[in-house]
PDB file of all heavy atoms in Angstrom:
ATOM      1  N   SER A   1     -15.988  39.779  15.744  1.00  0.00           N
ATOM      2  CA  SER A   1     -14.702  39.065  15.676  1.00  0.00           C
ATOM      3  C   SER A   1     -14.491  38.065  16.801  1.00  0.00           C
ATOM      4  O   SER A   1     -13.406  37.495  16.911  1.00  0.00           O
ATOM      5  CB  SER A   1     -13.503  40.034  15.656  1.00  0.00           C
ATOM      6  OG  SER A   1     -13.594  40.926  14.578  1.00  0.00           O
ATOM      7  N   ILE A   2     -15.495  37.835  17.629  1.00  0.00           N
ATOM      8  CA  ILE A   2     -15.317  36.904  18.745  1.00  0.00           C
ATOM      9  C   ILE A   2     -15.167  35.470  18.233  1.00  0.00           C
ATOM     10  O   ILE A   2     -14.375  34.692  18.757  1.00  0.00           O
ATOM     11  CB  ILE A   2     -16.510  37.009  19.711  1.00  0.00           C
ATOM     12  CG1 ILE A   2     -16.476  38.353  20.436  1.00  0.00           C
ATOM     13  CG2 ILE A   2     -16.470  35.862  20.732  1.00  0.00           C
ATOM     14  CD1 ILE A   2     -17.672  38.588  21.339  1.00  0.00           C
ATOM     15  N   TYR A   3     -15.947  35.139  17.229  1.00  0.00           N
ATOM     16  CA  TYR A   3     -15.927  33.759  16.730  1.00  0.00           C
ATOM     17  C   TYR A   3     -15.318  33.699  15.343  1.00  0.00           C
ATOM     18  O   TYR A   3     -15.642  34.487  14.462  1.00  0.00           O
ATOM     19  CB  TYR A   3     -17.359  33.201  16.661  1.00  0.00           C
ATOM     20  CG  TYR A   3     -18.064  33.213  17.990  1.00  0.00           C
ATOM     21  CD1 TYR A   3     -19.078  34.133  18.261  1.00  0.00           C
ATOM     22  CD2 TYR A   3     -17.720  32.310  18.990  1.00  0.00           C
ATOM     23  CE1 TYR A   3     -19.718  34.149  19.480  1.00  0.00           C
ATOM     24  CE2 TYR A   3     -18.358  32.319  20.222  1.00  0.00           C
ATOM     25  CZ  TYR A   3     -19.358  33.254  20.454  1.00  0.00           C
ATOM     26  OH  TYR A   3     -19.997  33.266  21.669  1.00  0.00           O
ATOM     27  N   THR A   4     -14.420  32.728  15.160  1.00  0.00           N
ATOM     28  CA  THR A   4     -13.900  32.398  13.839  1.00  0.00           C
ATOM     29  C   THR A   4     -13.919  30.887  13.691  1.00  0.00           C
ATOM     30  O   THR A   4     -13.858  30.149  14.680  1.00  0.00           O
ATOM     31  CB  THR A   4     -12.462  32.909  13.635  1.00  0.00           C
ATOM     32  OG1 THR A   4     -11.603  32.312  14.614  1.00  0.00           O
ATOM     33  CG2 THR A   4     -12.379  34.423  13.748  1.00  0.00           C
ATOM     34  N   SER A   5     -14.004  30.444  12.463  1.00  0.00           N
ATOM     35  CA  SER A   5     -13.874  29.017  12.195  1.00  0.00           C
ATOM     36  C   SER A   5     -13.323  28.834  10.789  1.00  0.00           C
ATOM     37  O   SER A   5     -13.411  29.749   9.959  1.00  0.00           O
ATOM     38  CB  SER A   5     -15.194  28.275  12.376  1.00  0.00           C
ATOM     39  OG  SER A   5     -16.211  28.828  11.583  1.00  0.00           O
ATOM     40  N   TYR A   6     -12.751  27.650  10.562  1.00  0.00           N
ATOM     41  CA  TYR A   6     -12.038  27.385   9.319  1.00  0.00           C
ATOM     42  C   TYR A   6     -12.354  25.983   8.806  1.00  0.00           C
ATOM     43  O   TYR A   6     -12.618  25.072   9.583  1.00  0.00           O
ATOM     44  CB  TYR A   6     -10.524  27.475   9.556  1.00  0.00           C
ATOM     45  CG  TYR A   6     -10.056  28.826  10.009  1.00  0.00           C
ATOM     46  CD1 TYR A   6     -10.016  29.153  11.360  1.00  0.00           C
ATOM     47  CD2 TYR A   6      -9.665  29.790   9.083  1.00  0.00           C
ATOM     48  CE1 TYR A   6      -9.598  30.406  11.771  1.00  0.00           C
ATOM     49  CE2 TYR A   6      -9.236  31.042   9.492  1.00  0.00           C
ATOM     50  CZ  TYR A   6      -9.217  31.341  10.840  1.00  0.00           C
ATOM     51  OH  TYR A   6      -8.804  32.583  11.247  1.00  0.00           O
ATOM     52  N   ALA A   7     -12.265  25.844   7.507  1.00  0.00           N
ATOM     53  CA  ALA A   7     -12.308  24.508   6.923  1.00  0.00           C
ATOM     54  C   ALA A   7     -11.049  23.755   7.345  1.00  0.00           C
ATOM     55  O   ALA A   7      -9.984  24.354   7.519  1.00  0.00           O
ATOM     56  CB  ALA A   7     -12.377  24.603   5.405  1.00  0.00           C
ATOM     57  N   ASP A   8     -11.171  22.466   7.510  1.00  0.00           N
ATOM     58  CA  ASP A   8     -10.023  21.666   7.935  1.00  0.00           C
ATOM     59  C   ASP A   8      -8.851  21.814   6.959  1.00  0.00           C
ATOM     60  O   ASP A   8      -7.688  21.784   7.379  1.00  0.00           O
ATOM     61  CB  ASP A   8     -10.417  20.191   8.035  1.00  0.00           C
ATOM     62  CG  ASP A   8     -11.307  19.912   9.226  1.00  0.00           C
ATOM     63  OD1 ASP A   8     -11.367  20.749  10.148  1.00  0.00           O
ATOM     64  OD2 ASP A   8     -11.958  18.846   9.240  1.00  0.00           O
ATOM     65  N   SER A   9      -9.158  21.993   5.699  1.00  0.00           N
ATOM     66  CA  SER A   9      -8.112  22.040   4.680  1.00  0.00           C
ATOM     67  C   SER A   9      -7.234  23.287   4.770  1.00  0.00           C
ATOM     68  O   SER A   9      -6.141  23.313   4.193  1.00  0.00           O
ATOM     69  CB  SER A   9      -8.736  21.969   3.279  1.00  0.00           C
ATOM     70  OG  SER A   9      -9.656  23.029   3.102  1.00  0.00           O
ATOM     71  N   VAL A  10      -7.697  24.311   5.495  1.00  0.00           N
ATOM     72  CA  VAL A  10      -6.920  25.561   5.582  1.00  0.00           C
ATOM     73  C   VAL A  10      -6.491  25.894   7.001  1.00  0.00           C
ATOM     74  O   VAL A  10      -5.766  26.875   7.204  1.00  0.00           O
ATOM     75  CB  VAL A  10      -7.704  26.747   4.975  1.00  0.00           C
ATOM     76  CG1 VAL A  10      -8.176  26.421   3.567  1.00  0.00           C
ATOM     77  CG2 VAL A  10      -8.865  27.164   5.858  1.00  0.00           C
ATOM     78  N   LYS A  11      -6.926  25.122   7.975  1.00  0.00           N
ATOM     79  CA  LYS A  11      -6.565  25.401   9.366  1.00  0.00           C
ATOM     80  C   LYS A  11      -5.056  25.435   9.542  1.00  0.00           C
ATOM     81  O   LYS A  11      -4.341  24.568   9.029  1.00  0.00           O
ATOM     82  CB  LYS A  11      -7.166  24.335  10.287  1.00  0.00           C
ATOM     83  CG  LYS A  11      -8.569  24.616  10.734  1.00  0.00           C
ATOM     84  CD  LYS A  11      -9.082  23.523  11.668  1.00  0.00           C
ATOM     85  CE  LYS A  11     -10.543  23.724  11.983  1.00  0.00           C
ATOM     86  NZ  LYS A  11     -11.107  22.616  12.776  1.00  0.00           N
ATOM     87  N   GLY A  12      -4.594  26.439  10.259  1.00  0.00           N
ATOM     88  CA  GLY A  12      -3.169  26.582  10.501  1.00  0.00           C
ATOM     89  C   GLY A  12      -2.435  27.311   9.392  1.00  0.00           C
ATOM     90  O   GLY A  12      -1.265  27.672   9.557  1.00  0.00           O
ATOM     91  N   ARG A  13      -3.096  27.521   8.262  1.00  0.00           N
ATOM     92  CA  ARG A  13      -2.466  28.230   7.137  1.00  0.00           C
ATOM     93  C   ARG A  13      -3.155  29.554   6.819  1.00  0.00           C
ATOM     94  O   ARG A  13      -2.495  30.512   6.414  1.00  0.00           O
ATOM     95  CB  ARG A  13      -2.481  27.352   5.879  1.00  0.00           C
ATOM     96  CG  ARG A  13      -1.757  26.035   6.025  1.00  0.00           C
ATOM     97  CD  ARG A  13      -1.642  25.303   4.692  1.00  0.00           C
ATOM     98  NE  ARG A  13      -2.934  24.951   4.123  1.00  0.00           N
ATOM     99  CZ  ARG A  13      -3.361  25.358   2.923  1.00  0.00           C
ATOM    100  NH1 ARG A  13      -2.592  26.105   2.154  1.00  0.00           N
ATOM    101  NH2 ARG A  13      -4.547  24.978   2.469  1.00  0.00           N
ATOM    102  N   PHE A  14      -4.465  29.604   6.986  1.00  0.00           N
ATOM    103  CA  PHE A  14      -5.251  30.800   6.671  1.00  0.00           C
ATOM    104  C   PHE A  14      -5.737  31.454   7.961  1.00  0.00           C
ATOM    105  O   PHE A  14      -6.044  30.766   8.940  1.00  0.00           O
ATOM    106  CB  PHE A  14      -6.467  30.445   5.825  1.00  0.00           C
ATOM    107  CG  PHE A  14      -6.178  29.997   4.410  1.00  0.00           C
ATOM    108  CD1 PHE A  14      -4.893  29.697   3.992  1.00  0.00           C
ATOM    109  CD2 PHE A  14      -7.218  29.877   3.497  1.00  0.00           C
ATOM    110  CE1 PHE A  14      -4.641  29.285   2.693  1.00  0.00           C
ATOM    111  CE2 PHE A  14      -6.983  29.472   2.198  1.00  0.00           C
ATOM    112  CZ  PHE A  14      -5.689  29.167   1.800  1.00  0.00           C
ATOM    113  N   THR A  15      -5.844  32.784   7.921  1.00  0.00           N
ATOM    114  CA  THR A  15      -6.377  33.533   9.052  1.00  0.00           C
ATOM    115  C   THR A  15      -7.369  34.570   8.550  1.00  0.00           C
ATOM    116  O   THR A  15      -7.031  35.364   7.665  1.00  0.00           O
ATOM    117  CB  THR A  15      -5.255  34.239   9.827  1.00  0.00           C
ATOM    118  OG1 THR A  15      -4.297  33.274  10.272  1.00  0.00           O
ATOM    119  CG2 THR A  15      -5.829  34.975  11.035  1.00  0.00           C
ATOM    120  N   ILE A  16      -8.566  34.545   9.115  1.00  0.00           N
ATOM    121  CA  ILE A  16      -9.568  35.550   8.785  1.00  0.00           C
ATOM    122  C   ILE A  16      -9.573  36.621   9.859  1.00  0.00           C
ATOM    123  O   ILE A  16      -9.410  36.327  11.050  1.00  0.00           O
ATOM    124  CB  ILE A  16     -10.973  34.900   8.627  1.00  0.00           C
ATOM    125  CG1 ILE A  16     -11.975  35.901   8.052  1.00  0.00           C
ATOM    126  CG2 ILE A  16     -11.470  34.303   9.941  1.00  0.00           C
ATOM    127  CD1 ILE A  16     -13.307  35.269   7.654  1.00  0.00           C
ATOM    128  N   SER A  17      -9.741  37.859   9.440  1.00  0.00           N
ATOM    129  CA  SER A  17      -9.819  38.978  10.380  1.00  0.00           C
ATOM    130  C   SER A  17     -10.679  40.057   9.754  1.00  0.00           C
ATOM    131  O   SER A  17     -11.003  39.997   8.560  1.00  0.00           O
ATOM    132  CB  SER A  17      -8.427  39.514  10.726  1.00  0.00           C
ATOM    133  OG  SER A  17      -7.792  40.011   9.565  1.00  0.00           O
ATOM    134  N   ARG A  18     -11.034  41.034  10.557  1.00  0.00           N
ATOM    135  CA  ARG A  18     -11.838  42.130  10.031  1.00  0.00           C
ATOM    136  C   ARG A  18     -11.478  43.416  10.750  1.00  0.00           C
ATOM    137  O   ARG A  18     -11.027  43.404  11.896  1.00  0.00           O
ATOM    138  CB  ARG A  18     -13.332  41.840  10.182  1.00  0.00           C
ATOM    139  CG  ARG A  18     -13.833  41.750  11.596  1.00  0.00           C
ATOM    140  CD  ARG A  18     -15.283  41.224  11.642  1.00  0.00           C
ATOM    141  NE  ARG A  18     -16.217  42.156  11.033  1.00  0.00           N
ATOM    142  CZ  ARG A  18     -17.452  41.802  10.649  1.00  0.00           C
ATOM    143  NH1 ARG A  18     -17.858  40.558  10.795  1.00  0.00           N
ATOM    144  NH2 ARG A  18     -18.253  42.715  10.113  1.00  0.00           N
ATOM    145  N   ASP A  19     -11.707  44.504  10.061  1.00  0.00           N
ATOM    146  CA  ASP A  19     -11.519  45.836  10.629  1.00  0.00           C
ATOM    147  C   ASP A  19     -12.829  46.576  10.401  1.00  0.00           C
ATOM    148  O   ASP A  19     -13.104  47.028   9.282  1.00  0.00           O
ATOM    149  CB  ASP A  19     -10.346  46.544   9.958  1.00  0.00           C
ATOM    150  CG  ASP A  19     -10.052  47.893  10.571  1.00  0.00           C
ATOM    151  OD1 ASP A  19     -10.936  48.458  11.265  1.00  0.00           O
ATOM    152  OD2 ASP A  19      -8.950  48.412  10.356  1.00  0.00           O
ATOM    153  N   ASN A  20     -13.628  46.683  11.433  1.00  0.00           N
ATOM    154  CA  ASN A  20     -14.941  47.318  11.282  1.00  0.00           C
ATOM    155  C   ASN A  20     -14.842  48.820  11.049  1.00  0.00           C
ATOM    156  O   ASN A  20     -15.798  49.428  10.559  1.00  0.00           O
ATOM    157  CB  ASN A  20     -15.821  47.016  12.487  1.00  0.00           C
ATOM    158  CG  ASN A  20     -16.347  45.591  12.485  1.00  0.00           C
ATOM    159  OD1 ASN A  20     -16.218  44.870  11.495  1.00  0.00           O
ATOM    160  ND2 ASN A  20     -16.920  45.170  13.596  1.00  0.00           N
ATOM    161  N   THR A  21     -13.720  49.418  11.374  1.00  0.00           N
ATOM    162  CA  THR A  21     -13.548  50.849  11.087  1.00  0.00           C
ATOM    163  C   THR A  21     -13.248  51.080   9.606  1.00  0.00           C
ATOM    164  O   THR A  21     -13.466  52.170   9.086  1.00  0.00           O
ATOM    165  CB  THR A  21     -12.427  51.459  11.923  1.00  0.00           C
ATOM    166  OG1 THR A  21     -11.172  50.882  11.533  1.00  0.00           O
ATOM    167  CG2 THR A  21     -12.654  51.221  13.401  1.00  0.00           C
ATOM    168  N   GLU A  22     -12.722  50.033   8.939  1.00  0.00           N
ATOM    169  CA  GLU A  22     -12.406  50.128   7.519  1.00  0.00           C
ATOM    170  C   GLU A  22     -13.417  49.374   6.650  1.00  0.00           C
ATOM    171  O   GLU A  22     -13.254  49.296   5.425  1.00  0.00           O
ATOM    172  CB  GLU A  22     -10.993  49.564   7.259  1.00  0.00           C
ATOM    173  CG  GLU A  22      -9.884  50.354   7.934  1.00  0.00           C
ATOM    174  CD  GLU A  22      -9.692  51.724   7.308  1.00  0.00           C
ATOM    175  OE1 GLU A  22     -10.001  51.903   6.110  1.00  0.00           O
ATOM    176  OE2 GLU A  22      -9.228  52.630   8.034  1.00  0.00           O
ATOM    177  N   ASN A  23     -14.437  48.786   7.290  1.00  0.00           N
ATOM    178  CA  ASN A  23     -15.468  48.020   6.560  1.00  0.00           C
ATOM    179  C   ASN A  23     -14.839  46.925   5.690  1.00  0.00           C
ATOM    180  O   ASN A  23     -15.290  46.685   4.552  1.00  0.00           O
ATOM    181  CB  ASN A  23     -16.319  48.951   5.677  1.00  0.00           C
ATOM    182  CG  ASN A  23     -17.214  49.854   6.480  1.00  0.00           C
ATOM    183  OD1 ASN A  23     -17.343  49.699   7.700  1.00  0.00           O
ATOM    184  ND2 ASN A  23     -17.830  50.803   5.814  1.00  0.00           N
ATOM    185  N   THR A  24     -13.830  46.269   6.229  1.00  0.00           N
ATOM    186  CA  THR A  24     -13.074  45.307   5.434  1.00  0.00           C
ATOM    187  C   THR A  24     -12.850  44.020   6.215  1.00  0.00           C
ATOM    188  O   THR A  24     -12.561  44.057   7.419  1.00  0.00           O
ATOM    189  CB  THR A  24     -11.720  45.905   5.008  1.00  0.00           C
ATOM    190  OG1 THR A  24     -11.956  47.089   4.241  1.00  0.00           O
ATOM    191  CG2 THR A  24     -10.933  44.924   4.159  1.00  0.00           C
ATOM    192  N   VAL A  25     -12.962  42.904   5.508  1.00  0.00           N
ATOM    193  CA  VAL A  25     -12.601  41.604   6.054  1.00  0.00           C
ATOM    194  C   VAL A  25     -11.415  41.083   5.233  1.00  0.00           C
ATOM    195  O   VAL A  25     -11.341  41.323   4.019  1.00  0.00           O
ATOM    196  CB  VAL A  25     -13.785  40.620   6.029  1.00  0.00           C
ATOM    197  CG1 VAL A  25     -14.287  40.357   4.620  1.00  0.00           C
ATOM    198  CG2 VAL A  25     -13.425  39.316   6.725  1.00  0.00           C
ATOM    199  N   TYR A  26     -10.502  40.405   5.907  1.00  0.00           N
ATOM    200  CA  TYR A  26      -9.282  39.933   5.274  1.00  0.00           C
ATOM    201  C   TYR A  26      -9.185  38.406   5.365  1.00  0.00           C
ATOM    202  O   TYR A  26      -9.729  37.785   6.283  1.00  0.00           O
ATOM    203  CB  TYR A  26      -8.059  40.535   5.966  1.00  0.00           C
ATOM    204  CG  TYR A  26      -8.040  42.033   5.984  1.00  0.00           C
ATOM    205  CD1 TYR A  26      -8.469  42.738   7.103  1.00  0.00           C
ATOM    206  CD2 TYR A  26      -7.590  42.753   4.878  1.00  0.00           C
ATOM    207  CE1 TYR A  26      -8.456  44.125   7.126  1.00  0.00           C
ATOM    208  CE2 TYR A  26      -7.570  44.136   4.889  1.00  0.00           C
ATOM    209  CZ  TYR A  26      -8.009  44.811   6.017  1.00  0.00           C
ATOM    210  OH  TYR A  26      -8.001  46.189   6.031  1.00  0.00           O
TER     211      TYR A  26
END
């Protein structure tokens, strides 16, 4: 989770995150 990046078209509107204890990315 140290690095994230976004397409310009979604920056400021979308957020990616993950929970490695739940094996899930959001």
